[in-house]
Amino acid sequence: MISAGKLLPAAFAVFASAAAHAQAAPQQPDPLMSFLPLIVIFVLFYFMLIRPQMKRAKEQRKMLETLQKGDEVVTSSGQVGKVTKVSEQYVSLEIADGVTTHVQKQAVQTLLPKGTIKGI
């Protein structure tokens, strides 16, 4: 038979061990802190990719709206020409003396400074 003197220290050790484990239980992290890295990544993504792209698109739209006869442009296919006619959706370009081509207005990529074609 087990004496009371031996049982008491063993029971105390079990309860002390259980109490130590109960105190060391991990606490739940704040839900906002778990989403914080995702929020930071989204903000960086917005300021480094989306916003500059929107700014370039706005500048491109403005350039296409102000396009007029006599402007020298480069198309997205690399053709260099002088604008001879501007309509709602199309632009006529003179790419050589007496050679005119029609391209969509959206194909105009860059507006060149006046006199650039003569230097080419």
PDB file of N, CA and C in Angstrom:
ATOM      1  N   MET A   1       0.823  -1.159   0.000  1.00  0.00           N
ATOM      2  CA  MET A   1       0.000   0.000   0.000  1.00  0.00           C
ATOM      3  C   MET A   1       0.882   1.242   0.000  1.00  0.00           C
ATOM      4  N   ILE A   2       0.379   2.310  -0.614  1.00  0.00           N
ATOM      5  CA  ILE A   2       1.137   3.551  -0.718  1.00  0.00           C
ATOM      6  C   ILE A   2       0.774   4.424   0.461  1.00  0.00           C
ATOM      7  N   SER A   3       1.790   4.922   1.105  1.00  0.00           N
ATOM      8  CA  SER A   3       1.531   5.768   2.269  1.00  0.00           C
ATOM      9  C   SER A   3       1.176   7.183   1.821  1.00  0.00           C
ATOM     10  N   ALA A   4       0.514   7.908   2.677  1.00  0.00           N
ATOM     11  CA  ALA A   4       0.080   9.269   2.393  1.00  0.00           C
ATOM     12  C   ALA A   4       1.271  10.193   2.220  1.00  0.00           C
ATOM     13  N   GLY A   5       2.375   9.873   2.841  1.00  0.00           N
ATOM     14  CA  GLY A   5       3.570  10.705   2.737  1.00  0.00           C
ATOM     15  C   GLY A   5       4.177  10.657   1.346  1.00  0.00           C
ATOM     16  N   LYS A   6       4.064   9.503   0.663  1.00  0.00           N
ATOM     17  CA  LYS A   6       4.609   9.378  -0.688  1.00  0.00           C
ATOM     18  C   LYS A   6       3.624   9.894  -1.743  1.00  0.00           C
ATOM     19  N   LEU A   7       2.342   9.790  -1.478  1.00  0.00           N
ATOM     20  CA  LEU A   7       1.321  10.196  -2.440  1.00  0.00           C
ATOM     21  C   LEU A   7       1.229  11.719  -2.559  1.00  0.00           C
ATOM     22  N   LEU A   8       1.397  12.396  -1.467  1.00  0.00           N
ATOM     23  CA  LEU A   8       1.259  13.846  -1.461  1.00  0.00           C
ATOM     24  C   LEU A   8       2.293  14.543  -2.346  1.00  0.00           C
ATOM     25  N   PRO A   9       3.582  14.217  -2.270  1.00  0.00           N
ATOM     26  CA  PRO A   9       4.540  14.888  -3.163  1.00  0.00           C
ATOM     27  C   PRO A   9       4.305  14.546  -4.632  1.00  0.00           C
ATOM     28  N   ALA A  10       3.878  13.341  -4.942  1.00  0.00           N
ATOM     29  CA  ALA A  10       3.622  12.966  -6.331  1.00  0.00           C
ATOM     30  C   ALA A  10       2.433  13.749  -6.890  1.00  0.00           C
ATOM     31  N   ALA A  11       1.376  13.894  -6.098  1.00  0.00           N
ATOM     32  CA  ALA A  11       0.198  14.643  -6.532  1.00  0.00           C
ATOM     33  C   ALA A  11       0.544  16.118  -6.714  1.00  0.00           C
ATOM     34  N   PHE A  12       1.364  16.628  -5.803  1.00  0.00           N
ATOM     35  CA  PHE A  12       1.777  18.023  -5.911  1.00  0.00           C
ATOM     36  C   PHE A  12       2.571  18.251  -7.199  1.00  0.00           C
ATOM     37  N   ALA A  13       3.437  17.310  -7.556  1.00  0.00           N
ATOM     38  CA  ALA A  13       4.238  17.426  -8.770  1.00  0.00           C
ATOM     39  C   ALA A  13       3.349  17.429 -10.008  1.00  0.00           C
ATOM     40  N   VAL A  14       2.311  16.600 -10.021  1.00  0.00           N
ATOM     41  CA  VAL A  14       1.395  16.542 -11.163  1.00  0.00           C
ATOM     42  C   VAL A  14       0.635  17.858 -11.295  1.00  0.00           C
ATOM     43  N   PHE A  15       0.112  18.380 -10.190  1.00  0.00           N
ATOM     44  CA  PHE A  15      -0.640  19.632 -10.238  1.00  0.00           C
ATOM     45  C   PHE A  15       0.259  20.817 -10.585  1.00  0.00           C
ATOM     46  N   ALA A  16       1.471  20.827 -10.092  1.00  0.00           N
ATOM     47  CA  ALA A  16       2.409  21.909 -10.393  1.00  0.00           C
ATOM     48  C   ALA A  16       2.762  21.899 -11.873  1.00  0.00           C
ATOM     49  N   SER A  17       2.949  20.700 -12.425  1.00  0.00           N
ATOM     50  CA  SER A  17       3.257  20.576 -13.846  1.00  0.00           C
ATOM     51  C   SER A  17       2.081  21.051 -14.697  1.00  0.00           C
ATOM     52  N   ALA A  18       0.869  20.690 -14.300  1.00  0.00           N
ATOM     53  CA  ALA A  18      -0.326  21.104 -15.036  1.00  0.00           C
ATOM     54  C   ALA A  18      -0.499  22.616 -14.966  1.00  0.00           C
ATOM     55  N   ALA A  19      -0.218  23.206 -13.827  1.00  0.00           N
ATOM     56  CA  ALA A  19      -0.343  24.653 -13.672  1.00  0.00           C
ATOM     57  C   ALA A  19       0.688  25.380 -14.537  1.00  0.00           C
ATOM     58  N   ALA A  20       1.882  24.826 -14.639  1.00  0.00           N
ATOM     59  CA  ALA A  20       2.923  25.445 -15.457  1.00  0.00           C
ATOM     60  C   ALA A  20       2.531  25.404 -16.931  1.00  0.00           C
ATOM     61  N   HIS A  21       1.947  24.307 -17.370  1.00  0.00           N
ATOM     62  CA  HIS A  21       1.512  24.207 -18.763  1.00  0.00           C
ATOM     63  C   HIS A  21       0.327  25.125 -19.044  1.00  0.00           C
ATOM     64  N   ALA A  22      -0.535  25.303 -18.077  1.00  0.00           N
ATOM     65  CA  ALA A  22      -1.690  26.175 -18.263  1.00  0.00           C
ATOM     66  C   ALA A  22      -1.249  27.628 -18.411  1.00  0.00           C
ATOM     67  N   GLN A  23      -0.215  28.025 -17.701  1.00  0.00           N
ATOM     68  CA  GLN A  23       0.262  29.397 -17.795  1.00  0.00           C
ATOM     69  C   GLN A  23       1.007  29.633 -19.105  1.00  0.00           C
ATOM     70  N   ALA A  24       1.615  28.610 -19.665  1.00  0.00           N
ATOM     71  CA  ALA A  24       2.417  28.762 -20.871  1.00  0.00           C
ATOM     72  C   ALA A  24       1.582  28.605 -22.141  1.00  0.00           C
ATOM     73  N   ALA A  25       0.275  28.535 -22.033  1.00  0.00           N
ATOM     74  CA  ALA A  25      -0.573  28.380 -23.212  1.00  0.00           C
ATOM     75  C   ALA A  25      -0.428  29.621 -24.098  1.00  0.00           C
ATOM     76  N   PRO A  26      -0.265  29.428 -25.395  1.00  0.00           N
ATOM     77  CA  PRO A  26      -0.093  30.578 -26.288  1.00  0.00           C
ATOM     78  C   PRO A  26      -1.381  31.382 -26.402  1.00  0.00           C
ATOM     79  N   GLN A  27      -1.212  32.685 -26.505  1.00  0.00           N
ATOM     80  CA  GLN A  27      -2.366  33.558 -26.657  1.00  0.00           C
ATOM     81  C   GLN A  27      -2.672  33.717 -28.147  1.00  0.00           C
ATOM     82  N   GLN A  28      -3.912  33.983 -28.465  1.00  0.00           N
ATOM     83  CA  GLN A  28      -4.321  34.185 -29.850  1.00  0.00           C
ATOM     84  C   GLN A  28      -3.784  35.532 -30.334  1.00  0.00           C
ATOM     85  N   PRO A  29      -3.183  35.568 -31.541  1.00  0.00           N
ATOM     86  CA  PRO A  29      -2.701  36.849 -32.060  1.00  0.00           C
ATOM     87  C   PRO A  29      -3.876  37.735 -32.461  1.00  0.00           C
ATOM     88  N   ASP A  30      -3.625  39.013 -32.461  1.00  0.00           N
ATOM     89  CA  ASP A  30      -4.639  39.978 -32.862  1.00  0.00           C
ATOM     90  C   ASP A  30      -4.970  39.748 -34.341  1.00  0.00           C
ATOM     91  N   PRO A  31      -6.248  39.650 -34.713  1.00  0.00           N
ATOM     92  CA  PRO A  31      -6.604  39.397 -36.118  1.00  0.00           C
ATOM     93  C   PRO A  31      -6.081  40.472 -37.068  1.00  0.00           C
ATOM     94  N   LEU A  32      -6.026  41.699 -36.618  1.00  0.00           N
ATOM     95  CA  LEU A  32      -5.506  42.767 -37.465  1.00  0.00           C
ATOM     96  C   LEU A  32      -4.024  42.557 -37.763  1.00  0.00           C
ATOM     97  N   MET A  33      -3.288  42.070 -36.782  1.00  0.00           N
ATOM     98  CA  MET A  33      -1.854  41.841 -36.984  1.00  0.00           C
ATOM     99  C   MET A  33      -1.602  40.718 -37.985  1.00  0.00           C
ATOM    100  N   SER A  34      -2.502  39.760 -38.075  1.00  0.00           N
ATOM    101  CA  SER A  34      -2.299  38.683 -39.041  1.00  0.00           C
ATOM    102  C   SER A  34      -2.569  39.166 -40.466  1.00  0.00           C
ATOM    103  N   PHE A  35      -3.412  40.184 -40.632  1.00  0.00           N
ATOM    104  CA  PHE A  35      -3.677  40.731 -41.960  1.00  0.00           C
ATOM    105  C   PHE A  35      -2.751  41.883 -42.320  1.00  0.00           C
ATOM    106  N   LEU A  36      -1.987  42.374 -41.389  1.00  0.00           N
ATOM    107  CA  LEU A  36      -1.112  43.518 -41.625  1.00  0.00           C
ATOM    108  C   LEU A  36      -0.128  43.291 -42.781  1.00  0.00           C
ATOM    109  N   PRO A  37       0.546  42.145 -42.882  1.00  0.00           N
ATOM    110  CA  PRO A  37       1.449  41.956 -44.029  1.00  0.00           C
ATOM    111  C   PRO A  37       0.722  42.016 -45.376  1.00  0.00           C
ATOM    112  N   LEU A  38      -0.484  41.474 -45.449  1.00  0.00           N
ATOM    113  CA  LEU A  38      -1.247  41.534 -46.697  1.00  0.00           C
ATOM    114  C   LEU A  38      -1.626  42.967 -47.045  1.00  0.00           C
ATOM    115  N   ILE A  39      -1.988  43.733 -46.044  1.00  0.00           N
ATOM    116  CA  ILE A  39      -2.352  45.130 -46.276  1.00  0.00           C
ATOM    117  C   ILE A  39      -1.136  45.917 -46.757  1.00  0.00           C
ATOM    118  N   VAL A  40       0.007  45.691 -46.148  1.00  0.00           N
ATOM    119  CA  VAL A  40       1.240  46.382 -46.549  1.00  0.00           C
ATOM    120  C   VAL A  40       1.613  46.013 -47.981  1.00  0.00           C
ATOM    121  N   ILE A  41       1.504  44.741 -48.340  1.00  0.00           N
ATOM    122  CA  ILE A  41       1.821  44.303 -49.702  1.00  0.00           C
ATOM    123  C   ILE A  41       0.875  44.956 -50.702  1.00  0.00           C
ATOM    124  N   PHE A  42      -0.414  45.030 -50.376  1.00  0.00           N
ATOM    125  CA  PHE A  42      -1.372  45.666 -51.283  1.00  0.00           C
ATOM    126  C   PHE A  42      -1.055  47.145 -51.471  1.00  0.00           C
ATOM    127  N   VAL A  43      -0.719  47.844 -50.399  1.00  0.00           N
ATOM    128  CA  VAL A  43      -0.398  49.272 -50.502  1.00  0.00           C
ATOM    129  C   VAL A  43       0.846  49.473 -51.365  1.00  0.00           C
ATOM    130  N   LEU A  44       1.870  48.665 -51.159  1.00  0.00           N
ATOM    131  CA  LEU A  44       3.070  48.755 -51.992  1.00  0.00           C
ATOM    132  C   LEU A  44       2.748  48.449 -53.448  1.00  0.00           C
ATOM    133  N   PHE A  45       1.949  47.425 -53.685  1.00  0.00           N
ATOM    134  CA  PHE A  45       1.542  47.050 -55.036  1.00  0.00           C
ATOM    135  C   PHE A  45       0.827  48.216 -55.713  1.00  0.00           C
ATOM    136  N   TYR A  46      -0.057  48.884 -54.978  1.00  0.00           N
ATOM    137  CA  TYR A  46      -0.802  50.011 -55.543  1.00  0.00           C
ATOM    138  C   TYR A  46       0.138  51.151 -55.935  1.00  0.00           C
ATOM    139  N   PHE A  47       1.014  51.557 -55.017  1.00  0.00           N
ATOM    140  CA  PHE A  47       1.862  52.712 -55.283  1.00  0.00           C
ATOM    141  C   PHE A  47       2.994  52.423 -56.260  1.00  0.00           C
ATOM    142  N   MET A  48       3.400  51.172 -56.406  1.00  0.00           N
ATOM    143  CA  MET A  48       4.515  50.868 -57.300  1.00  0.00           C
ATOM    144  C   MET A  48       4.070  50.391 -58.679  1.00  0.00           C
ATOM    145  N   LEU A  49       2.860  49.851 -58.810  1.00  0.00           N
ATOM    146  CA  LEU A  49       2.428  49.329 -60.100  1.00  0.00           C
ATOM    147  C   LEU A  49       1.165  49.989 -60.644  1.00  0.00           C
ATOM    148  N   ILE A  50       0.121  50.002 -59.865  1.00  0.00           N
ATOM    149  CA  ILE A  50      -1.176  50.455 -60.373  1.00  0.00           C
ATOM    150  C   ILE A  50      -1.195  51.959 -60.613  1.00  0.00           C
ATOM    151  N   ARG A  51      -0.756  52.730 -59.650  1.00  0.00           N
ATOM    152  CA  ARG A  51      -0.817  54.194 -59.772  1.00  0.00           C
ATOM    153  C   ARG A  51       0.044  54.725 -60.923  1.00  0.00           C
ATOM    154  N   PRO A  52       1.301  54.288 -61.090  1.00  0.00           N
ATOM    155  CA  PRO A  52       2.079  54.772 -62.240  1.00  0.00           C
ATOM    156  C   PRO A  52       1.460  54.377 -63.586  1.00  0.00           C
ATOM    157  N   GLN A  53       0.866  53.191 -63.648  1.00  0.00           N
ATOM    158  CA  GLN A  53       0.235  52.760 -64.888  1.00  0.00           C
ATOM    159  C   GLN A  53      -0.978  53.636 -65.210  1.00  0.00           C
ATOM    160  N   MET A  54      -1.748  53.989 -64.197  1.00  0.00           N
ATOM    161  CA  MET A  54      -2.895  54.875 -64.410  1.00  0.00           C
ATOM    162  C   MET A  54      -2.427  56.256 -64.875  1.00  0.00           C
ATOM    163  N   LYS A  55      -1.314  56.720 -64.341  1.00  0.00           N
ATOM    164  CA  LYS A  55      -0.777  58.022 -64.728  1.00  0.00           C
ATOM    165  C   LYS A  55      -0.327  58.004 -66.192  1.00  0.00           C
ATOM    166  N   ARG A  56       0.360  56.921 -66.608  1.00  0.00           N
ATOM    167  CA  ARG A  56       0.790  56.809 -68.006  1.00  0.00           C
ATOM    168  C   ARG A  56      -0.411  56.731 -68.949  1.00  0.00           C
ATOM    169  N   ALA A  57      -1.451  55.998 -68.552  1.00  0.00           N
ATOM    170  CA  ALA A  57      -2.652  55.879 -69.383  1.00  0.00           C
ATOM    171  C   ALA A  57      -3.335  57.237 -69.531  1.00  0.00           C
ATOM    172  N   LYS A  58      -3.360  58.022 -68.476  1.00  0.00           N
ATOM    173  CA  LYS A  58      -3.969  59.355 -68.528  1.00  0.00           C
ATOM    174  C   LYS A  58      -3.177  60.261 -69.475  1.00  0.00           C
ATOM    175  N   GLU A  59      -1.844  60.215 -69.400  1.00  0.00           N
ATOM    176  CA  GLU A  59      -1.005  61.017 -70.294  1.00  0.00           C
ATOM    177  C   GLU A  59      -1.199  60.589 -71.750  1.00  0.00           C
ATOM    178  N   GLN A  60      -1.331  59.276 -71.995  1.00  0.00           N
ATOM    179  CA  GLN A  60      -1.539  58.756 -73.346  1.00  0.00           C
ATOM    180  C   GLN A  60      -2.882  59.254 -73.905  1.00  0.00           C
ATOM    181  N   ARG A  61      -3.946  59.200 -73.097  1.00  0.00           N
ATOM    182  CA  ARG A  61      -5.259  59.691 -73.535  1.00  0.00           C
ATOM    183  C   ARG A  61      -5.200  61.182 -73.870  1.00  0.00           C
ATOM    184  N   LYS A  62      -4.506  61.945 -73.026  1.00  0.00           N
ATOM    185  CA  LYS A  62      -4.390  63.386 -73.261  1.00  0.00           C
ATOM    186  C   LYS A  62      -3.639  63.656 -74.564  1.00  0.00           C
ATOM    187  N   MET A  63      -2.563  62.899 -74.813  1.00  0.00           N
ATOM    188  CA  MET A  63      -1.787  63.070 -76.039  1.00  0.00           C
ATOM    189  C   MET A  63      -2.643  62.749 -77.263  1.00  0.00           C
ATOM    190  N   LEU A  64      -3.444  61.690 -77.198  1.00  0.00           N
ATOM    191  CA  LEU A  64      -4.291  61.318 -78.332  1.00  0.00           C
ATOM    192  C   LEU A  64      -5.394  62.349 -78.570  1.00  0.00           C
ATOM    193  N   GLU A  65      -5.909  62.941 -77.512  1.00  0.00           N
ATOM    194  CA  GLU A  65      -6.958  63.957 -77.656  1.00  0.00           C
ATOM    195  C   GLU A  65      -6.425  65.235 -78.304  1.00  0.00           C
ATOM    196  N   THR A  66      -5.165  65.573 -78.058  1.00  0.00           N
ATOM    197  CA  THR A  66      -4.591  66.810 -78.594  1.00  0.00           C
ATOM    198  C   THR A  66      -3.859  66.588 -79.916  1.00  0.00           C
ATOM    199  N   LEU A  67      -3.924  65.385 -80.457  1.00  0.00           N
ATOM    200  CA  LEU A  67      -3.259  65.071 -81.725  1.00  0.00           C
ATOM    201  C   LEU A  67      -3.875  65.912 -82.843  1.00  0.00           C
ATOM    202  N   GLN A  68      -3.025  66.523 -83.682  1.00  0.00           N
ATOM    203  CA  GLN A  68      -3.534  67.371 -84.760  1.00  0.00           C
ATOM    204  C   GLN A  68      -2.683  67.213 -86.015  1.00  0.00           C
ATOM    205  N   LYS A  69      -3.187  67.741 -87.101  1.00  0.00           N
ATOM    206  CA  LYS A  69      -2.507  67.654 -88.391  1.00  0.00           C
ATOM    207  C   LYS A  69      -1.132  68.325 -88.294  1.00  0.00           C
ATOM    208  N   GLY A  70      -0.126  67.662 -88.839  1.00  0.00           N
ATOM    209  CA  GLY A  70       1.232  68.195 -88.824  1.00  0.00           C
ATOM    210  C   GLY A  70       2.102  67.629 -87.714  1.00  0.00           C
ATOM    211  N   ASP A  71       1.508  66.960 -86.734  1.00  0.00           N
ATOM    212  CA  ASP A  71       2.293  66.347 -85.654  1.00  0.00           C
ATOM    213  C   ASP A  71       3.088  65.163 -86.191  1.00  0.00           C
ATOM    214  N   GLU A  72       4.258  64.967 -85.660  1.00  0.00           N
ATOM    215  CA  GLU A  72       5.096  63.824 -86.027  1.00  0.00           C
ATOM    216  C   GLU A  72       5.006  62.798 -84.910  1.00  0.00           C
ATOM    217  N   VAL A  73       4.716  61.537 -85.293  1.00  0.00           N
ATOM    218  CA  VAL A  73       4.435  60.507 -84.300  1.00  0.00           C
ATOM    219  C   VAL A  73       5.155  59.203 -84.638  1.00  0.00           C
ATOM    220  N   VAL A  74       5.215  58.338 -83.633  1.00  0.00           N
ATOM    221  CA  VAL A  74       5.686  56.961 -83.795  1.00  0.00           C
ATOM    222  C   VAL A  74       4.531  56.064 -83.384  1.00  0.00           C
ATOM    223  N   THR A  75       4.230  55.061 -84.215  1.00  0.00           N
ATOM    224  CA  THR A  75       3.154  54.130 -83.882  1.00  0.00           C
ATOM    225  C   THR A  75       3.710  52.981 -83.048  1.00  0.00           C
ATOM    226  N   SER A  76       2.809  52.163 -82.527  1.00  0.00           N
ATOM    227  CA  SER A  76       3.243  51.019 -81.715  1.00  0.00           C
ATOM    228  C   SER A  76       3.990  49.986 -82.547  1.00  0.00           C
ATOM    229  N   SER A  77       3.806  50.007 -83.876  1.00  0.00           N
ATOM    230  CA  SER A  77       4.545  49.076 -84.738  1.00  0.00           C
ATOM    231  C   SER A  77       5.894  49.646 -85.156  1.00  0.00           C
ATOM    232  N   GLY A  78       6.173  50.890 -84.783  1.00  0.00           N
ATOM    233  CA  GLY A  78       7.474  51.486 -85.065  1.00  0.00           C
ATOM    234  C   GLY A  78       7.492  52.396 -86.272  1.00  0.00           C
ATOM    235  N   GLN A  79       6.366  52.586 -86.942  1.00  0.00           N
ATOM    236  CA  GLN A  79       6.326  53.492 -88.084  1.00  0.00           C
ATOM    237  C   GLN A  79       6.429  54.933 -87.604  1.00  0.00           C
ATOM    238  N   VAL A  80       7.212  55.713 -88.341  1.00  0.00           N
ATOM    239  CA  VAL A  80       7.357  57.131 -88.039  1.00  0.00           C
ATOM    240  C   VAL A  80       6.678  57.892 -89.166  1.00  0.00           C
ATOM    241  N   GLY A  81       5.828  58.836 -88.811  1.00  0.00           N
ATOM    242  CA  GLY A  81       5.133  59.577 -89.854  1.00  0.00           C
ATOM    243  C   GLY A  81       4.583  60.889 -89.359  1.00  0.00           C
ATOM    244  N   LYS A  82       4.089  61.663 -90.337  1.00  0.00           N
ATOM    245  CA  LYS A  82       3.486  62.964 -90.041  1.00  0.00           C
ATOM    246  C   LYS A  82       1.976  62.818 -90.198  1.00  0.00           C
ATOM    247  N   VAL A  83       1.236  63.330 -89.228  1.00  0.00           N
ATOM    248  CA  VAL A  83      -0.219  63.228 -89.239  1.00  0.00           C
ATOM    249  C   VAL A  83      -0.769  64.139 -90.333  1.00  0.00           C
ATOM    250  N   THR A  84      -1.600  63.550 -91.231  1.00  0.00           N
ATOM    251  CA  THR A  84      -2.236  64.343 -92.285  1.00  0.00           C
ATOM    252  C   THR A  84      -3.725  64.517 -92.046  1.00  0.00           C
ATOM    253  N   LYS A  85      -4.322  63.597 -91.288  1.00  0.00           N
ATOM    254  CA  LYS A  85      -5.757  63.683 -91.011  1.00  0.00           C
ATOM    255  C   LYS A  85      -6.044  62.965 -89.703  1.00  0.00           C
ATOM    256  N   VAL A  86      -6.914  63.559 -88.891  1.00  0.00           N
ATOM    257  CA  VAL A  86      -7.305  62.957 -87.617  1.00  0.00           C
ATOM    258  C   VAL A  86      -8.819  62.809 -87.612  1.00  0.00           C
ATOM    259  N   SER A  87      -9.297  61.586 -87.391  1.00  0.00           N
ATOM    260  CA  SER A  87     -10.736  61.368 -87.227  1.00  0.00           C
ATOM    261  C   SER A  87     -10.978  60.831 -85.820  1.00  0.00           C
ATOM    262  N   GLU A  88     -12.205  60.419 -85.555  1.00  0.00           N
ATOM    263  CA  GLU A  88     -12.568  59.952 -84.212  1.00  0.00           C
ATOM    264  C   GLU A  88     -11.742  58.741 -83.783  1.00  0.00           C
ATOM    265  N   GLN A  89     -11.574  57.763 -84.701  1.00  0.00           N
ATOM    266  CA  GLN A  89     -10.879  56.528 -84.332  1.00  0.00           C
ATOM    267  C   GLN A  89      -9.604  56.279 -85.125  1.00  0.00           C
ATOM    268  N   TYR A  90      -9.415  56.987 -86.249  1.00  0.00           N
ATOM    269  CA  TYR A  90      -8.274  56.711 -87.116  1.00  0.00           C
ATOM    270  C   TYR A  90      -7.436  57.960 -87.351  1.00  0.00           C
ATOM    271  N   VAL A  91      -6.175  57.716 -87.718  1.00  0.00           N
ATOM    272  CA  VAL A  91      -5.236  58.786 -88.036  1.00  0.00           C
ATOM    273  C   VAL A  91      -4.579  58.420 -89.359  1.00  0.00           C
ATOM    274  N   SER A  92      -4.456  59.390 -90.255  1.00  0.00           N
ATOM    275  CA  SER A  92      -3.735  59.173 -91.503  1.00  0.00           C
ATOM    276  C   SER A  92      -2.321  59.696 -91.319  1.00  0.00           C
ATOM    277  N   LEU A  93      -1.349  58.857 -91.654  1.00  0.00           N
ATOM    278  CA  LEU A  93       0.060  59.224 -91.499  1.00  0.00           C
ATOM    279  C   LEU A  93       0.744  59.218 -92.854  1.00  0.00           C
ATOM    280  N   GLU A  94       1.536  60.261 -93.101  1.00  0.00           N
ATOM    281  CA  GLU A  94       2.385  60.277 -94.289  1.00  0.00           C
ATOM    282  C   GLU A  94       3.740  59.732 -93.845  1.00  0.00           C
ATOM    283  N   ILE A  95       4.050  58.500 -94.296  1.00  0.00           N
ATOM    284  CA  ILE A  95       5.285  57.853 -93.853  1.00  0.00           C
ATOM    285  C   ILE A  95       6.432  58.068 -94.834  1.00  0.00           C
ATOM    286  N   ALA A  96       6.112  58.528 -96.048  1.00  0.00           N
ATOM    287  CA  ALA A  96       7.109  58.902 -97.049  1.00  0.00           C
ATOM    288  C   ALA A  96       6.419  59.884 -97.994  1.00  0.00           C
ATOM    289  N   ASP A  97       7.171  60.496 -98.906  1.00  0.00           N
ATOM    290  CA  ASP A  97       6.564  61.449 -99.841  1.00  0.00           C
ATOM    291  C   ASP A  97       5.523  60.730-100.688  1.00  0.00           C
ATOM    292  N   GLY A  98       4.269  61.140-100.558  1.00  0.00           N
ATOM    293  CA  GLY A  98       3.181  60.564-101.341  1.00  0.00           C
ATOM    294  C   GLY A  98       2.666  59.226-100.835  1.00  0.00           C
ATOM    295  N   VAL A  99       3.189  58.715 -99.725  1.00  0.00           N
ATOM    296  CA  VAL A  99       2.740  57.430 -99.172  1.00  0.00           C
ATOM    297  C   VAL A  99       2.012  57.703 -97.859  1.00  0.00           C
ATOM    298  N   THR A 100       0.708  57.419 -97.873  1.00  0.00           N
ATOM    299  CA  THR A 100      -0.114  57.652 -96.687  1.00  0.00           C
ATOM    300  C   THR A 100      -0.672  56.326 -96.198  1.00  0.00           C
ATOM    301  N   THR A 101      -0.665  56.142 -94.904  1.00  0.00           N
ATOM    302  CA  THR A 101      -1.235  54.938 -94.294  1.00  0.00           C
ATOM    303  C   THR A 101      -2.221  55.362 -93.212  1.00  0.00           C
ATOM    304  N   HIS A 102      -3.174  54.487 -92.960  1.00  0.00           N
ATOM    305  CA  HIS A 102      -4.188  54.772 -91.946  1.00  0.00           C
ATOM    306  C   HIS A 102      -3.987  53.805 -90.787  1.00  0.00           C
ATOM    307  N   VAL A 103      -3.960  54.330 -89.578  1.00  0.00           N
ATOM    308  CA  VAL A 103      -3.805  53.500 -88.377  1.00  0.00           C
ATOM    309  C   VAL A 103      -4.854  53.919 -87.356  1.00  0.00           C
ATOM    310  N   GLN A 104      -5.134  53.009 -86.450  1.00  0.00           N
ATOM    311  CA  GLN A 104      -6.039  53.367 -85.363  1.00  0.00           C
ATOM    312  C   GLN A 104      -5.364  54.408 -84.478  1.00  0.00           C
ATOM    313  N   LYS A 105      -6.172  55.271 -83.933  1.00  0.00           N
ATOM    314  CA  LYS A 105      -5.640  56.332 -83.079  1.00  0.00           C
ATOM    315  C   LYS A 105      -4.889  55.742 -81.881  1.00  0.00           C
ATOM    316  N   GLN A 106      -5.377  54.629 -81.348  1.00  0.00           N
ATOM    317  CA  GLN A 106      -4.739  53.990 -80.196  1.00  0.00           C
ATOM    318  C   GLN A 106      -3.346  53.456 -80.527  1.00  0.00           C
ATOM    319  N   ALA A 107      -3.038  53.284 -81.826  1.00  0.00           N
ATOM    320  CA  ALA A 107      -1.728  52.768 -82.224  1.00  0.00           C
ATOM    321  C   ALA A 107      -0.639  53.831 -82.135  1.00  0.00           C
ATOM    322  N   VAL A 108      -1.023  55.096 -82.024  1.00  0.00           N
ATOM    323  CA  VAL A 108      -0.029  56.168 -81.891  1.00  0.00           C
ATOM    324  C   VAL A 108       0.573  56.073 -80.497  1.00  0.00           C
ATOM    325  N   GLN A 109       1.876  55.840 -80.463  1.00  0.00           N
ATOM    326  CA  GLN A 109       2.562  55.592 -79.201  1.00  0.00           C
ATOM    327  C   GLN A 109       3.220  56.846 -78.630  1.00  0.00           C
ATOM    328  N   THR A 110       3.927  57.595 -79.501  1.00  0.00           N
ATOM    329  CA  THR A 110       4.733  58.716 -79.021  1.00  0.00           C
ATOM    330  C   THR A 110       4.567  59.915 -79.944  1.00  0.00           C
ATOM    331  N   LEU A 111       4.486  61.077 -79.372  1.00  0.00           N
ATOM    332  CA  LEU A 111       4.464  62.330 -80.119  1.00  0.00           C
ATOM    333  C   LEU A 111       5.897  62.855 -80.151  1.00  0.00           C
ATOM    334  N   LEU A 112       6.425  63.042 -81.360  1.00  0.00           N
ATOM    335  CA  LEU A 112       7.811  63.486 -81.522  1.00  0.00           C
ATOM    336  C   LEU A 112       7.880  65.008 -81.621  1.00  0.00           C
ATOM    337  N   PRO A 113       9.025  65.593 -81.279  1.00  0.00           N
ATOM    338  CA  PRO A 113       9.201  67.037 -81.478  1.00  0.00           C
ATOM    339  C   PRO A 113       9.191  67.364 -82.977  1.00  0.00           C
ATOM    340  N   LYS A 114       8.730  68.554 -83.315  1.00  0.00           N
ATOM    341  CA  LYS A 114       8.666  68.981 -84.725  1.00  0.00           C
ATOM    342  C   LYS A 114      10.064  68.942 -85.343  1.00  0.00           C
ATOM    343  N   GLY A 115      10.133  68.465 -86.587  1.00  0.00           N
ATOM    344  CA  GLY A 115      11.394  68.402 -87.313  1.00  0.00           C
ATOM    345  C   GLY A 115      12.184  67.129 -87.086  1.00  0.00           C
ATOM    346  N   THR A 116      11.668  66.213 -86.320  1.00  0.00           N
ATOM    347  CA  THR A 116      12.388  64.969 -86.035  1.00  0.00           C
ATOM    348  C   THR A 116      12.506  64.101 -87.278  1.00  0.00           C
ATOM    349  N   ILE A 117      11.457  64.072 -88.101  1.00  0.00           N
ATOM    350  CA  ILE A 117      11.464  63.200 -89.280  1.00  0.00           C
ATOM    351  C   ILE A 117      12.525  63.656 -90.275  1.00  0.00           C
ATOM    352  N   LYS A 118      12.744  64.951 -90.401  1.00  0.00           N
ATOM    353  CA  LYS A 118      13.761  65.452 -91.335  1.00  0.00           C
ATOM    354  C   LYS A 118      15.155  65.002 -90.915  1.00  0.00           C
ATOM    355  N   GLY A 119      15.358  64.817 -89.623  1.00  0.00           N
ATOM    356  CA  GLY A 119      16.666  64.408 -89.118  1.00  0.00           C
ATOM    357  C   GLY A 119      16.926  62.913 -89.238  1.00  0.00           C
ATOM    358  N   ILE A 120      15.897  62.158 -89.592  1.00  0.00           N
ATOM    359  CA  ILE A 120      16.065  60.691 -89.679  1.00  0.00           C
ATOM    360  C   ILE A 120      16.612  60.301 -91.018  1.00  0.00           C
TER     361      ILE A 120
END
